[in-house]
């Protein structure tokens, strides 16, 4: 009886080990493309106060535009400088006369907080 129960247990374990991997995708348990896209959708932040949009990661760089409070700001990249300062590469909507333009530039985090 002991030999029969051992055989049944090992057969059951072998059956589970052979059947379960067929239910998984080839790369293991990965998210679908739709779920990955849904997680990457970002909502723009709203600027709380005015700040200067700079052309490079430097306090002495040229000012591209002055961003007013209430402007939607999309953060593209976060960068840590050697001076232990954090900079953001942002994309903002700028209005020139009656046309809207997207401008990309850098801003120091301490300038917008």
C-alpha atoms as a PDB file:
ATOM      1  CA  UNK A   1       0.000   0.000   0.000  1.00  0.00           C
ATOM      2  CA  UNK A   2       2.863   2.345   0.824  1.00  0.00           C
ATOM      3  CA  UNK A   3       4.423   1.791  -2.600  1.00  0.00           C
ATOM      4  CA  UNK A   4       1.102   2.488  -4.325  1.00  0.00           C
ATOM      5  CA  UNK A   5       0.514   5.788  -2.455  1.00  0.00           C
ATOM      6  CA  UNK A   6       4.081   6.915  -3.196  1.00  0.00           C
ATOM      7  CA  UNK A   7       3.559   6.118  -6.890  1.00  0.00           C
ATOM      8  CA  UNK A   8       0.276   8.104  -6.943  1.00  0.00           C
ATOM      9  CA  UNK A   9       1.873  11.129  -5.246  1.00  0.00           C
ATOM     10  CA  UNK A  10       4.852  11.152  -7.641  1.00  0.00           C
ATOM     11  CA  UNK A  11       2.553  10.730 -10.658  1.00  0.00           C
ATOM     12  CA  UNK A  12       0.406  13.621  -9.462  1.00  0.00           C
ATOM     13  CA  UNK A  13       3.474  15.869  -8.897  1.00  0.00           C
ATOM     14  CA  UNK A  14       4.919  14.965 -12.300  1.00  0.00           C
ATOM     15  CA  UNK A  15       1.566  15.698 -13.970  1.00  0.00           C
ATOM     16  CA  UNK A  16       1.340  19.118 -12.291  1.00  0.00           C
ATOM     17  CA  UNK A  17       4.978  19.912 -13.200  1.00  0.00           C
ATOM     18  CA  UNK A  18       4.302  19.097 -16.856  1.00  0.00           C
ATOM     19  CA  UNK A  19       0.911  20.809 -17.186  1.00  0.00           C
ATOM     20  CA  UNK A  20       1.401  24.090 -15.271  1.00  0.00           C
ATOM     21  CA  UNK A  21       4.202  25.556 -17.488  1.00  0.00           C
ATOM     22  CA  UNK A  22       2.019  25.172 -20.588  1.00  0.00           C
ATOM     23  CA  UNK A  23      -0.434  27.666 -19.097  1.00  0.00           C
ATOM     24  CA  UNK A  24       2.300  30.334 -18.810  1.00  0.00           C
ATOM     25  CA  UNK A  25       3.393  32.547 -21.715  1.00  0.00           C
ATOM     26  CA  UNK A  26       6.782  31.883 -23.302  1.00  0.00           C
ATOM     27  CA  UNK A  27       8.524  34.637 -21.330  1.00  0.00           C
ATOM     28  CA  UNK A  28       7.012  33.688 -17.996  1.00  0.00           C
ATOM     29  CA  UNK A  29       4.356  35.731 -16.246  1.00  0.00           C
ATOM     30  CA  UNK A  30       4.674  39.013 -18.144  1.00  0.00           C
ATOM     31  CA  UNK A  31       2.224  41.864 -18.540  1.00  0.00           C
ATOM     32  CA  UNK A  32       0.469  42.216 -21.849  1.00  0.00           C
ATOM     33  CA  UNK A  33       1.261  45.132 -24.161  1.00  0.00           C
ATOM     34  CA  UNK A  34      -2.053  46.770 -23.248  1.00  0.00           C
ATOM     35  CA  UNK A  35      -1.259  46.634 -19.525  1.00  0.00           C
ATOM     36  CA  UNK A  36       2.251  48.035 -20.091  1.00  0.00           C
ATOM     37  CA  UNK A  37       0.866  50.936 -22.157  1.00  0.00           C
ATOM     38  CA  UNK A  38      -1.782  51.639 -19.518  1.00  0.00           C
ATOM     39  CA  UNK A  39       0.892  51.883 -16.799  1.00  0.00           C
ATOM     40  CA  UNK A  40       3.053  54.284 -18.852  1.00  0.00           C
ATOM     41  CA  UNK A  41       0.364  56.872 -19.514  1.00  0.00           C
ATOM     42  CA  UNK A  42       1.311  59.977 -17.558  1.00  0.00           C
ATOM     43  CA  UNK A  43      -0.846  62.906 -16.649  1.00  0.00           C
ATOM     44  CA  UNK A  44       0.810  66.328 -16.915  1.00  0.00           C
ATOM     45  CA  UNK A  45       1.559  68.187 -13.710  1.00  0.00           C
ATOM     46  CA  UNK A  46       0.339  71.736 -13.177  1.00  0.00           C
ATOM     47  CA  UNK A  47       2.975  74.361 -12.315  1.00  0.00           C
ATOM     48  CA  UNK A  48       2.195  75.911  -8.931  1.00  0.00           C
ATOM     49  CA  UNK A  49       4.434  78.955  -9.386  1.00  0.00           C
ATOM     50  CA  UNK A  50       6.298  80.665 -12.197  1.00  0.00           C
ATOM     51  CA  UNK A  51       9.732  79.390 -13.226  1.00  0.00           C
ATOM     52  CA  UNK A  52      12.263  79.800 -16.031  1.00  0.00           C
ATOM     53  CA  UNK A  53      12.679  77.051 -18.611  1.00  0.00           C
ATOM     54  CA  UNK A  54      16.432  76.738 -19.249  1.00  0.00           C
ATOM     55  CA  UNK A  55      18.253  75.482 -22.341  1.00  0.00           C
ATOM     56  CA  UNK A  56      20.725  73.286 -20.431  1.00  0.00           C
ATOM     57  CA  UNK A  57      21.508  71.912 -16.983  1.00  0.00           C
ATOM     58  CA  UNK A  58      23.249  74.994 -15.628  1.00  0.00           C
ATOM     59  CA  UNK A  59      22.206  77.996 -13.597  1.00  0.00           C
ATOM     60  CA  UNK A  60      23.941  80.235 -16.169  1.00  0.00           C
ATOM     61  CA  UNK A  61      22.225  78.798 -19.264  1.00  0.00           C
ATOM     62  CA  UNK A  62      19.914  80.735 -21.562  1.00  0.00           C
ATOM     63  CA  UNK A  63      16.270  81.164 -20.589  1.00  0.00           C
ATOM     64  CA  UNK A  64      13.968  79.695 -23.237  1.00  0.00           C
ATOM     65  CA  UNK A  65      10.716  80.979 -21.787  1.00  0.00           C
ATOM     66  CA  UNK A  66       9.039  81.949 -18.552  1.00  0.00           C
ATOM     67  CA  UNK A  67       6.462  79.340 -17.523  1.00  0.00           C
ATOM     68  CA  UNK A  68       3.442  80.811 -15.770  1.00  0.00           C
ATOM     69  CA  UNK A  69       1.620  79.218 -12.848  1.00  0.00           C
ATOM     70  CA  UNK A  70      -1.178  76.917 -13.980  1.00  0.00           C
ATOM     71  CA  UNK A  71       0.648  75.689 -17.098  1.00  0.00           C
ATOM     72  CA  UNK A  72       0.593  71.907 -17.719  1.00  0.00           C
ATOM     73  CA  UNK A  73       4.111  70.444 -17.447  1.00  0.00           C
ATOM     74  CA  UNK A  74       5.102  66.981 -18.737  1.00  0.00           C
ATOM     75  CA  UNK A  75       8.190  65.546 -17.039  1.00  0.00           C
ATOM     76  CA  UNK A  76      10.354  63.660 -19.523  1.00  0.00           C
ATOM     77  CA  UNK A  77      13.470  62.881 -17.495  1.00  0.00           C
ATOM     78  CA  UNK A  78      14.956  63.347 -14.019  1.00  0.00           C
ATOM     79  CA  UNK A  79      18.696  64.024 -13.836  1.00  0.00           C
ATOM     80  CA  UNK A  80      21.031  64.215 -10.829  1.00  0.00           C
ATOM     81  CA  UNK A  81      23.882  66.684 -11.286  1.00  0.00           C
ATOM     82  CA  UNK A  82      27.316  66.438  -9.721  1.00  0.00           C
ATOM     83  CA  UNK A  83      26.370  69.219  -7.274  1.00  0.00           C
ATOM     84  CA  UNK A  84      23.731  66.864  -5.767  1.00  0.00           C
ATOM     85  CA  UNK A  85      20.963  68.904  -7.393  1.00  0.00           C
ATOM     86  CA  UNK A  86      18.032  67.364  -9.222  1.00  0.00           C
ATOM     87  CA  UNK A  87      17.007  68.698 -12.626  1.00  0.00           C
ATOM     88  CA  UNK A  88      13.927  67.892 -14.683  1.00  0.00           C
ATOM     89  CA  UNK A  89      13.691  67.790 -18.457  1.00  0.00           C
ATOM     90  CA  UNK A  90      10.158  69.050 -19.069  1.00  0.00           C
ATOM     91  CA  UNK A  91       7.865  69.719 -21.999  1.00  0.00           C
ATOM     92  CA  UNK A  92       5.526  72.727 -21.668  1.00  0.00           C
ATOM     93  CA  UNK A  93       3.005  74.471 -23.893  1.00  0.00           C
ATOM     94  CA  UNK A  94       4.063  77.992 -24.818  1.00  0.00           C
ATOM     95  CA  UNK A  95       1.856  80.572 -26.504  1.00  0.00           C
ATOM     96  CA  UNK A  96       3.317  82.939 -29.067  1.00  0.00           C
ATOM     97  CA  UNK A  97       0.651  85.371 -30.268  1.00  0.00           C
ATOM     98  CA  UNK A  98      -2.219  83.054 -31.222  1.00  0.00           C
ATOM     99  CA  UNK A  99      -0.176  79.877 -31.775  1.00  0.00           C
ATOM    100  CA  UNK A 100       0.690  77.164 -29.263  1.00  0.00           C
ATOM    101  CA  UNK A 101       4.125  75.546 -29.271  1.00  0.00           C
ATOM    102  CA  UNK A 102       5.660  72.765 -27.213  1.00  0.00           C
ATOM    103  CA  UNK A 103       8.967  73.789 -25.681  1.00  0.00           C
ATOM    104  CA  UNK A 104      11.372  71.375 -24.071  1.00  0.00           C
ATOM    105  CA  UNK A 105      13.854  72.543 -21.469  1.00  0.00           C
ATOM    106  CA  UNK A 106      15.444  72.048 -18.071  1.00  0.00           C
ATOM    107  CA  UNK A 107      14.366  73.251 -14.656  1.00  0.00           C
ATOM    108  CA  UNK A 108      15.952  72.752 -11.248  1.00  0.00           C
ATOM    109  CA  UNK A 109      13.595  71.094  -8.757  1.00  0.00           C
ATOM    110  CA  UNK A 110      14.325  73.709  -6.084  1.00  0.00           C
ATOM    111  CA  UNK A 111      13.094  76.403  -8.511  1.00  0.00           C
ATOM    112  CA  UNK A 112       9.620  74.888  -8.790  1.00  0.00           C
ATOM    113  CA  UNK A 113       9.074  73.810  -5.170  1.00  0.00           C
END
